[in-house]
C-alpha atoms as a PDB file:
ATOM      1  CA  MET A   1       0.000   0.000   0.000  1.00  0.00           C
ATOM      2  CA  ASN A   2       1.050   3.644  -0.416  1.00  0.00           C
ATOM      3  CA  LEU A   3       1.893   5.766   2.593  1.00  0.00           C
ATOM      4  CA  PRO A   4      -1.249   5.810   4.753  1.00  0.00           C
ATOM      5  CA  SER A   5      -3.019   9.043   5.642  1.00  0.00           C
ATOM      6  CA  LEU A   6      -3.134   8.107   9.326  1.00  0.00           C
ATOM      7  CA  LEU A   7      -1.527   5.676  11.753  1.00  0.00           C
ATOM      8  CA  LEU A   8      -3.602   4.135  14.550  1.00  0.00           C
ATOM      9  CA  ASP A   9      -2.204   2.412  17.633  1.00  0.00           C
ATOM     10  CA  LEU A  10      -5.197   0.778  19.276  1.00  0.00           C
ATOM     11  CA  GLY A  11      -4.649  -0.334  22.856  1.00  0.00           C
ATOM     12  CA  ASN A  12      -6.898  -1.499  25.647  1.00  0.00           C
ATOM     13  CA  ARG A  13      -7.424   1.928  27.204  1.00  0.00           C
ATOM     14  CA  HIS A  14      -6.354   4.433  24.540  1.00  0.00           C
ATOM     15  CA  ALA A  15      -6.404   4.957  20.801  1.00  0.00           C
ATOM     16  CA  LYS A  16      -3.360   6.870  19.570  1.00  0.00           C
ATOM     17  CA  TRP A  17      -3.508   8.692  16.235  1.00  0.00           C
ATOM     18  CA  ALA A  18      -0.536  10.009  14.271  1.00  0.00           C
ATOM     19  CA  ARG A  19       0.037  11.307  10.779  1.00  0.00           C
ATOM     20  CA  PRO A  20       3.160  10.212   8.874  1.00  0.00           C
ATOM     21  CA  GLY A  21       5.775  12.928   8.870  1.00  0.00           C
ATOM     22  CA  LEU A  22       4.342  14.786  11.860  1.00  0.00           C
ATOM     23  CA  GLN A  23       5.439  14.538  15.475  1.00  0.00           C
ATOM     24  CA  GLN A  24       1.949  15.142  16.848  1.00  0.00           C
ATOM     25  CA  VAL A  25       0.194  12.225  18.539  1.00  0.00           C
ATOM     26  CA  ILE A  26      -3.414  12.403  19.723  1.00  0.00           C
ATOM     27  CA  ARG A  27      -4.431  10.063  22.560  1.00  0.00           C
ATOM     28  CA  VAL A  28      -8.112   9.264  22.960  1.00  0.00           C
ATOM     29  CA  PRO A  29      -9.303   7.438  26.116  1.00  0.00           C
ATOM     30  CA  LEU A  30     -11.417   4.351  25.462  1.00  0.00           C
ATOM     31  CA  GLU A  31     -14.154   3.749  28.024  1.00  0.00           C
ATOM     32  CA  SER A  32     -15.773   0.307  27.959  1.00  0.00           C
ATOM     33  CA  THR A  33     -18.887   1.756  29.612  1.00  0.00           C
ATOM     34  CA  GLN A  34     -19.182   4.496  26.976  1.00  0.00           C
ATOM     35  CA  ILE A  35     -18.497   2.713  23.706  1.00  0.00           C
ATOM     36  CA  GLU A  36     -20.438   5.034  21.381  1.00  0.00           C
ATOM     37  CA  ALA A  37     -18.902   8.158  22.927  1.00  0.00           C
ATOM     38  CA  SER A  38     -15.428   6.645  22.676  1.00  0.00           C
ATOM     39  CA  VAL A  39     -15.920   5.785  19.005  1.00  0.00           C
ATOM     40  CA  ARG A  40     -17.131   9.328  18.268  1.00  0.00           C
ATOM     41  CA  ALA A  41     -14.088  10.775  20.029  1.00  0.00           C
ATOM     42  CA  VAL A  42     -11.754   8.580  17.965  1.00  0.00           C
ATOM     43  CA  LEU A  43     -13.451   9.725  14.739  1.00  0.00           C
ATOM     44  CA  GLN A  44     -13.200  13.372  15.779  1.00  0.00           C
ATOM     45  CA  ALA A  45      -9.492  12.968  16.510  1.00  0.00           C
ATOM     46  CA  ALA A  46      -8.927  11.427  13.079  1.00  0.00           C
ATOM     47  CA  ALA A  47     -10.721  14.320  11.409  1.00  0.00           C
ATOM     48  CA  SER A  48      -8.577  16.830  13.294  1.00  0.00           C
ATOM     49  CA  LEU A  49      -5.415  15.300  11.811  1.00  0.00           C
ATOM     50  CA  CYS A  50      -6.621  14.650   8.279  1.00  0.00           C
ATOM     51  CA  GLU A  51      -8.715  17.073   6.217  1.00  0.00           C
ATOM     52  CA  ALA A  52     -10.409  14.290   4.248  1.00  0.00           C
ATOM     53  CA  PRO A  53     -10.891  10.590   4.984  1.00  0.00           C
ATOM     54  CA  GLY A  54      -8.027   8.447   3.708  1.00  0.00           C
ATOM     55  CA  SER A  55      -6.299   5.179   4.475  1.00  0.00           C
ATOM     56  CA  VAL A  56      -5.629   4.077   8.045  1.00  0.00           C
ATOM     57  CA  LEU A  57      -2.840   1.670   9.002  1.00  0.00           C
ATOM     58  CA  ALA A  58      -3.948   0.172  12.313  1.00  0.00           C
ATOM     59  CA  ALA A  59      -1.927  -1.845  14.803  1.00  0.00           C
ATOM     60  CA  SER A  60      -4.319  -3.259  17.368  1.00  0.00           C
ATOM     61  CA  VAL A  61      -4.016  -5.338  20.532  1.00  0.00           C
ATOM     62  CA  ALA A  62      -7.686  -4.826  21.435  1.00  0.00           C
ATOM     63  CA  PRO A  63      -9.997  -6.895  19.197  1.00  0.00           C
ATOM     64  CA  ARG A  64     -13.115  -5.577  20.942  1.00  0.00           C
ATOM     65  CA  TRP A  65     -12.231  -1.996  20.045  1.00  0.00           C
ATOM     66  CA  ALA A  66     -11.094  -2.880  16.527  1.00  0.00           C
ATOM     67  CA  ALA A  67     -14.507  -4.516  15.980  1.00  0.00           C
ATOM     68  CA  GLN A  68     -16.161  -1.210  16.917  1.00  0.00           C
ATOM     69  CA  LEU A  69     -13.816   1.187  15.158  1.00  0.00           C
ATOM     70  CA  GLU A  70     -13.210  -0.544  11.834  1.00  0.00           C
ATOM     71  CA  PRO A  71     -16.860  -0.345  10.657  1.00  0.00           C
ATOM     72  CA  ALA A  72     -17.248   3.164  12.085  1.00  0.00           C
ATOM     73  CA  LEU A  73     -14.192   4.425  10.215  1.00  0.00           C
ATOM     74  CA  SER A  74     -15.254   2.637   7.044  1.00  0.00           C
ATOM     75  CA  ALA A  75     -18.681   4.262   7.255  1.00  0.00           C
ATOM     76  CA  ALA A  76     -16.947   7.647   7.549  1.00  0.00           C
ATOM     77  CA  GLY A  77     -14.972   6.977   4.360  1.00  0.00           C
ATOM     78  CA  TYR A  78     -11.671   5.732   5.758  1.00  0.00           C
ATOM     79  CA  ILE A  79      -9.969   2.641   4.358  1.00  0.00           C
ATOM     80  CA  TRP A  80      -8.787   0.330   7.128  1.00  0.00           C
ATOM     81  CA  HIS A  81      -5.567  -1.671   6.781  1.00  0.00           C
ATOM     82  CA  SER A  82      -4.458  -3.955   9.612  1.00  0.00           C
ATOM     83  CA  LEU A  83      -0.782  -4.201  10.492  1.00  0.00           C
ATOM     84  CA  GLY A  84      -0.196  -7.778  11.607  1.00  0.00           C
ATOM     85  CA  PRO A  85       2.896  -9.258  13.242  1.00  0.00           C
ATOM     86  CA  GLU A  86       3.963 -10.844   9.969  1.00  0.00           C
ATOM     87  CA  ARG A  87       4.540  -7.393   8.454  1.00  0.00           C
ATOM     88  CA  VAL A  88       7.071  -6.267  11.084  1.00  0.00           C
ATOM     89  CA  PRO A  89      10.548  -6.776   9.528  1.00  0.00           C
ATOM     90  CA  LEU A  90      12.073  -8.449  12.554  1.00  0.00           C
ATOM     91  CA  GLN A  91      13.488 -11.930  12.936  1.00  0.00           C
ATOM     92  CA  ARG A  92      11.935 -13.764  15.857  1.00  0.00           C
ATOM     93  CA  LYS A  93      12.251 -16.864  17.982  1.00  0.00           C
ATOM     94  CA  SER A  94       8.951 -16.283  19.789  1.00  0.00           C
ATOM     95  CA  GLU A  95       5.493 -17.551  18.854  1.00  0.00           C
ATOM     96  CA  GLY A  96       2.174 -15.714  18.954  1.00  0.00           C
ATOM     97  CA  THR A  97       3.762 -12.359  19.801  1.00  0.00           C
ATOM     98  CA  GLY A  98       1.505  -9.331  19.437  1.00  0.00           C
ATOM     99  CA  VAL A  99       2.235  -6.625  16.908  1.00  0.00           C
ATOM    100  CA  ASP A 100       2.651  -4.025  19.675  1.00  0.00           C
ATOM    101  CA  ARG A 101       5.595  -5.870  21.198  1.00  0.00           C
ATOM    102  CA  LEU A 102       7.226  -6.483  17.830  1.00  0.00           C
ATOM    103  CA  LEU A 103       6.884  -2.846  16.767  1.00  0.00           C
ATOM    104  CA  CYS A 104       8.468  -1.655  20.019  1.00  0.00           C
ATOM    105  CA  ALA A 105      11.334  -4.110  19.648  1.00  0.00           C
ATOM    106  CA  TRP A 106      11.887  -3.256  15.973  1.00  0.00           C
ATOM    107  CA  ARG A 107      11.962   0.485  16.626  1.00  0.00           C
ATOM    108  CA  ALA A 108      14.221   0.059  19.658  1.00  0.00           C
ATOM    109  CA  TYR A 109      16.665  -2.103  17.712  1.00  0.00           C
ATOM    110  CA  ARG A 110      16.780   0.433  14.885  1.00  0.00           C
ATOM    111  CA  MET A 111      17.428   3.226  17.381  1.00  0.00           C
ATOM    112  CA  GLN A 112      20.180   1.391  19.254  1.00  0.00           C
ATOM    113  CA  GLY A 113      21.724  -0.755  16.522  1.00  0.00           C
ATOM    114  CA  GLY A 114      22.441  -3.505  19.031  1.00  0.00           C
ATOM    115  CA  PRO A 115      20.941  -5.717  21.718  1.00  0.00           C
ATOM    116  CA  VAL A 116      18.043  -4.046  23.490  1.00  0.00           C
ATOM    117  CA  ILE A 117      15.484  -4.759  26.194  1.00  0.00           C
ATOM    118  CA  VAL A 118      12.192  -2.853  26.059  1.00  0.00           C
ATOM    119  CA  ALA A 119       9.747  -2.379  28.923  1.00  0.00           C
ATOM    120  CA  SER A 120       6.326  -1.271  27.650  1.00  0.00           C
ATOM    121  CA  LEU A 121       4.131  -0.201  30.552  1.00  0.00           C
ATOM    122  CA  GLY A 122       0.427  -0.053  29.812  1.00  0.00           C
ATOM    123  CA  THR A 123      -2.636  -2.012  30.875  1.00  0.00           C
ATOM    124  CA  ALA A 124      -0.259  -4.964  30.864  1.00  0.00           C
ATOM    125  CA  PHE A 125       3.480  -4.627  31.127  1.00  0.00           C
ATOM    126  CA  THR A 126       5.737  -6.365  28.654  1.00  0.00           C
ATOM    127  CA  LEU A 127       9.494  -6.793  28.864  1.00  0.00           C
ATOM    128  CA  ASP A 128      11.085  -8.015  25.644  1.00  0.00           C
ATOM    129  CA  ALA A 129      14.594  -8.847  24.481  1.00  0.00           C
ATOM    130  CA  THR A 130      16.181  -8.483  21.034  1.00  0.00           C
ATOM    131  CA  ASP A 131      19.733  -9.711  20.464  1.00  0.00           C
ATOM    132  CA  ALA A 132      22.698  -8.111  18.688  1.00  0.00           C
ATOM    133  CA  ALA A 133      21.717  -9.699  15.366  1.00  0.00           C
ATOM    134  CA  GLY A 134      18.255  -8.154  15.493  1.00  0.00           C
ATOM    135  CA  CYS A 135      16.416 -11.345  16.457  1.00  0.00           C
ATOM    136  CA  PHE A 136      13.453 -10.982  18.810  1.00  0.00           C
ATOM    137  CA  HIS A 137      13.534 -13.611  21.560  1.00  0.00           C
ATOM    138  CA  GLY A 138      10.301 -12.804  23.409  1.00  0.00           C
ATOM    139  CA  GLY A 139       9.922 -11.822  27.023  1.00  0.00           C
ATOM    140  CA  ALA A 140       7.493 -11.365  29.903  1.00  0.00           C
ATOM    141  CA  ILE A 141       3.885 -10.175  30.197  1.00  0.00           C
ATOM    142  CA  GLY A 142       2.155  -9.254  33.442  1.00  0.00           C
ATOM    143  CA  PRO A 143      -0.435  -6.945  35.004  1.00  0.00           C
ATOM    144  CA  GLY A 144       0.415  -3.292  34.591  1.00  0.00           C
ATOM    145  CA  LEU A 145       0.705  -0.795  37.414  1.00  0.00           C
ATOM    146  CA  GLY A 146      -2.828   0.556  36.986  1.00  0.00           C
ATOM    147  CA  VAL A 147      -4.286  -2.947  36.973  1.00  0.00           C
ATOM    148  CA  GLN A 148      -2.406  -3.811  40.174  1.00  0.00           C
ATOM    149  CA  GLU A 149      -3.540  -0.644  41.925  1.00  0.00           C
ATOM    150  CA  ALA A 150      -7.166  -1.099  40.840  1.00  0.00           C
ATOM    151  CA  ALA A 151      -7.217  -4.762  41.877  1.00  0.00           C
ATOM    152  CA  LEU A 152      -5.849  -3.938  45.328  1.00  0.00           C
ATOM    153  CA  ALA A 153      -8.335  -1.088  45.791  1.00  0.00           C
ATOM    154  CA  ALA A 154     -11.220  -3.365  44.797  1.00  0.00           C
ATOM    155  CA  ALA A 155     -10.101  -6.215  47.058  1.00  0.00           C
ATOM    156  CA  ALA A 156      -9.218  -4.013  50.055  1.00  0.00           C
ATOM    157  CA  PRO A 157     -11.226  -0.768  49.799  1.00  0.00           C
ATOM    158  CA  HIS A 158     -10.279   0.217  53.355  1.00  0.00           C
ATOM    159  CA  LEU A 159      -6.690   0.853  52.258  1.00  0.00           C
ATOM    160  CA  PRO A 160      -5.605   4.359  51.202  1.00  0.00           C
ATOM    161  CA  PRO A 161      -4.464   5.078  47.653  1.00  0.00           C
ATOM    162  CA  PRO A 162      -0.721   4.781  47.019  1.00  0.00           C
ATOM    163  CA  ASP A 163       1.396   7.795  47.868  1.00  0.00           C
ATOM    164  CA  PRO A 164       2.272   9.433  44.503  1.00  0.00           C
ATOM    165  CA  ASP A 165       5.357  11.088  46.017  1.00  0.00           C
ATOM    166  CA  TRP A 166       6.903   7.954  47.496  1.00  0.00           C
ATOM    167  CA  ARG A 167      10.554   7.344  46.670  1.00  0.00           C
ATOM    168  CA  PRO A 168      12.779   4.434  47.727  1.00  0.00           C
ATOM    169  CA  GLY A 169      15.483   4.797  50.324  1.00  0.00           C
ATOM    170  CA  ARG A 170      13.830   3.794  53.574  1.00  0.00           C
ATOM    171  CA  VAL A 171      11.314   1.341  54.962  1.00  0.00           C
ATOM    172  CA  PRO A 172       7.814   2.807  54.373  1.00  0.00           C
ATOM    173  CA  ALA A 173       6.222   3.943  57.650  1.00  0.00           C
ATOM    174  CA  ARG A 174       2.723   4.807  56.388  1.00  0.00           C
ATOM    175  CA  SER A 175       0.177   2.637  54.589  1.00  0.00           C
ATOM    176  CA  ALA A 176       0.058   4.891  51.522  1.00  0.00           C
ATOM    177  CA  GLU A 177       3.850   4.673  51.209  1.00  0.00           C
ATOM    178  CA  ALA A 178       3.767   0.916  51.777  1.00  0.00           C
ATOM    179  CA  ILE A 179       1.254   0.473  48.943  1.00  0.00           C
ATOM    180  CA  ALA A 180       3.357   2.585  46.587  1.00  0.00           C
ATOM    181  CA  CYS A 181       6.417   0.546  47.536  1.00  0.00           C
ATOM    182  CA  GLY A 182       4.563  -2.752  47.081  1.00  0.00           C
ATOM    183  CA  THR A 183       3.137  -1.832  43.659  1.00  0.00           C
ATOM    184  CA  ARG A 184       5.255   0.773  41.889  1.00  0.00           C
ATOM    185  CA  GLY A 185       8.486  -0.092  43.669  1.00  0.00           C
ATOM    186  CA  ALA A 186       8.032  -3.856  43.430  1.00  0.00           C
ATOM    187  CA  LEU A 187       7.152  -3.701  39.726  1.00  0.00           C
ATOM    188  CA  ALA A 188      10.192  -1.546  38.943  1.00  0.00           C
ATOM    189  CA  ARG A 189      12.484  -3.962  40.755  1.00  0.00           C
ATOM    190  CA  ALA A 190      10.883  -6.989  39.115  1.00  0.00           C
ATOM    191  CA  LEU A 191      11.424  -5.452  35.685  1.00  0.00           C
ATOM    192  CA  SER A 192      15.042  -4.627  36.520  1.00  0.00           C
ATOM    193  CA  ALA A 193      15.744  -8.154  37.782  1.00  0.00           C
ATOM    194  CA  LEU A 194      14.108  -9.728  34.725  1.00  0.00           C
ATOM    195  CA  ALA A 195      16.142  -7.445  32.453  1.00  0.00           C
ATOM    196  CA  ASP A 196      19.321  -8.635  34.187  1.00  0.00           C
ATOM    197  CA  GLU A 197      18.252 -12.238  33.588  1.00  0.00           C
ATOM    198  CA  PHE A 198      17.436 -11.590  29.926  1.00  0.00           C
ATOM    199  CA  GLU A 199      20.835  -9.949  29.409  1.00  0.00           C
ATOM    200  CA  GLN A 200      22.546 -13.062  30.708  1.00  0.00           C
ATOM    201  CA  THR A 201      20.421 -15.261  28.451  1.00  0.00           C
ATOM    202  CA  LEU A 202      21.331 -13.149  25.428  1.00  0.00           C
ATOM    203  CA  GLY A 203      24.996 -13.371  26.403  1.00  0.00           C
ATOM    204  CA  SER A 204      25.340  -9.592  26.367  1.00  0.00           C
ATOM    205  CA  ALA A 205      26.328  -7.394  29.285  1.00  0.00           C
ATOM    206  CA  SER A 206      25.609  -4.177  27.387  1.00  0.00           C
ATOM    207  CA  CYS A 207      21.962  -4.313  26.339  1.00  0.00           C
ATOM    208  CA  ALA A 208      20.358  -0.915  25.919  1.00  0.00           C
ATOM    209  CA  ARG A 209      17.232  -0.561  28.052  1.00  0.00           C
ATOM    210  CA  ILE A 210      14.202   1.416  26.932  1.00  0.00           C
ATOM    211  CA  VAL A 211      11.043   2.224  28.887  1.00  0.00           C
ATOM    212  CA  THR A 212       7.863   3.268  27.103  1.00  0.00           C
ATOM    213  CA  GLY A 213       4.096   3.228  27.556  1.00  0.00           C
ATOM    214  CA  GLY A 214       1.515   5.151  29.553  1.00  0.00           C
ATOM    215  CA  ASP A 215       3.080   4.395  32.953  1.00  0.00           C
ATOM    216  CA  ALA A 216       6.667   4.997  31.845  1.00  0.00           C
ATOM    217  CA  GLN A 217       6.986   8.327  33.626  1.00  0.00           C
ATOM    218  CA  ARG A 218       5.760   6.877  36.919  1.00  0.00           C
ATOM    219  CA  LEU A 219       8.186   3.966  36.846  1.00  0.00           C
ATOM    220  CA  LEU A 220      11.231   5.362  35.063  1.00  0.00           C
ATOM    221  CA  PRO A 221      12.636   7.139  38.173  1.00  0.00           C
ATOM    222  CA  LEU A 222      12.587   3.765  39.941  1.00  0.00           C
END
């Protein structure tokens, strides 16, 4: 296909629009309890980036949202093209890997030109390893920070929310600090330890490490 008019990254909680050649990215929240409103907001964001409907290259990890958005965009005159894992030009040893993980790994490898480990922190976290030859090995998937916090709040509503200003360096003395330490701090340390293990498996002591995703700014300092 020719260069698409728009690029769509469709996640579980956000749709991200971009236009080739521009740095601007528009994030649209996706609310499962407000499907029609979410779809309208995604269409409005597309129209703000592109004067007339054109082709859309979509990378999706959320089939339920793709099932809503593809017909809506088609009805508005857009031509939907799905970007599947097979179209990402990256060697791989893994099986069944989602296009989101492969795109992150491919971009990271191109940026670094060598072995790289990528932590993508969204609804789920992923931690993936690509070796010096540009071969994707796979990695880890687990519940993201927001999912952990929401699950704890639902299971133990008497607990306070995590302290947003908590930083490591001492044993937490208050419950809010303890929750931040046990979620944000524990996840950061788990990712770091897994990255160490992946480096050893790849046989490289100098893997670049990249953090991305919606929770990157909350976890990067840790």
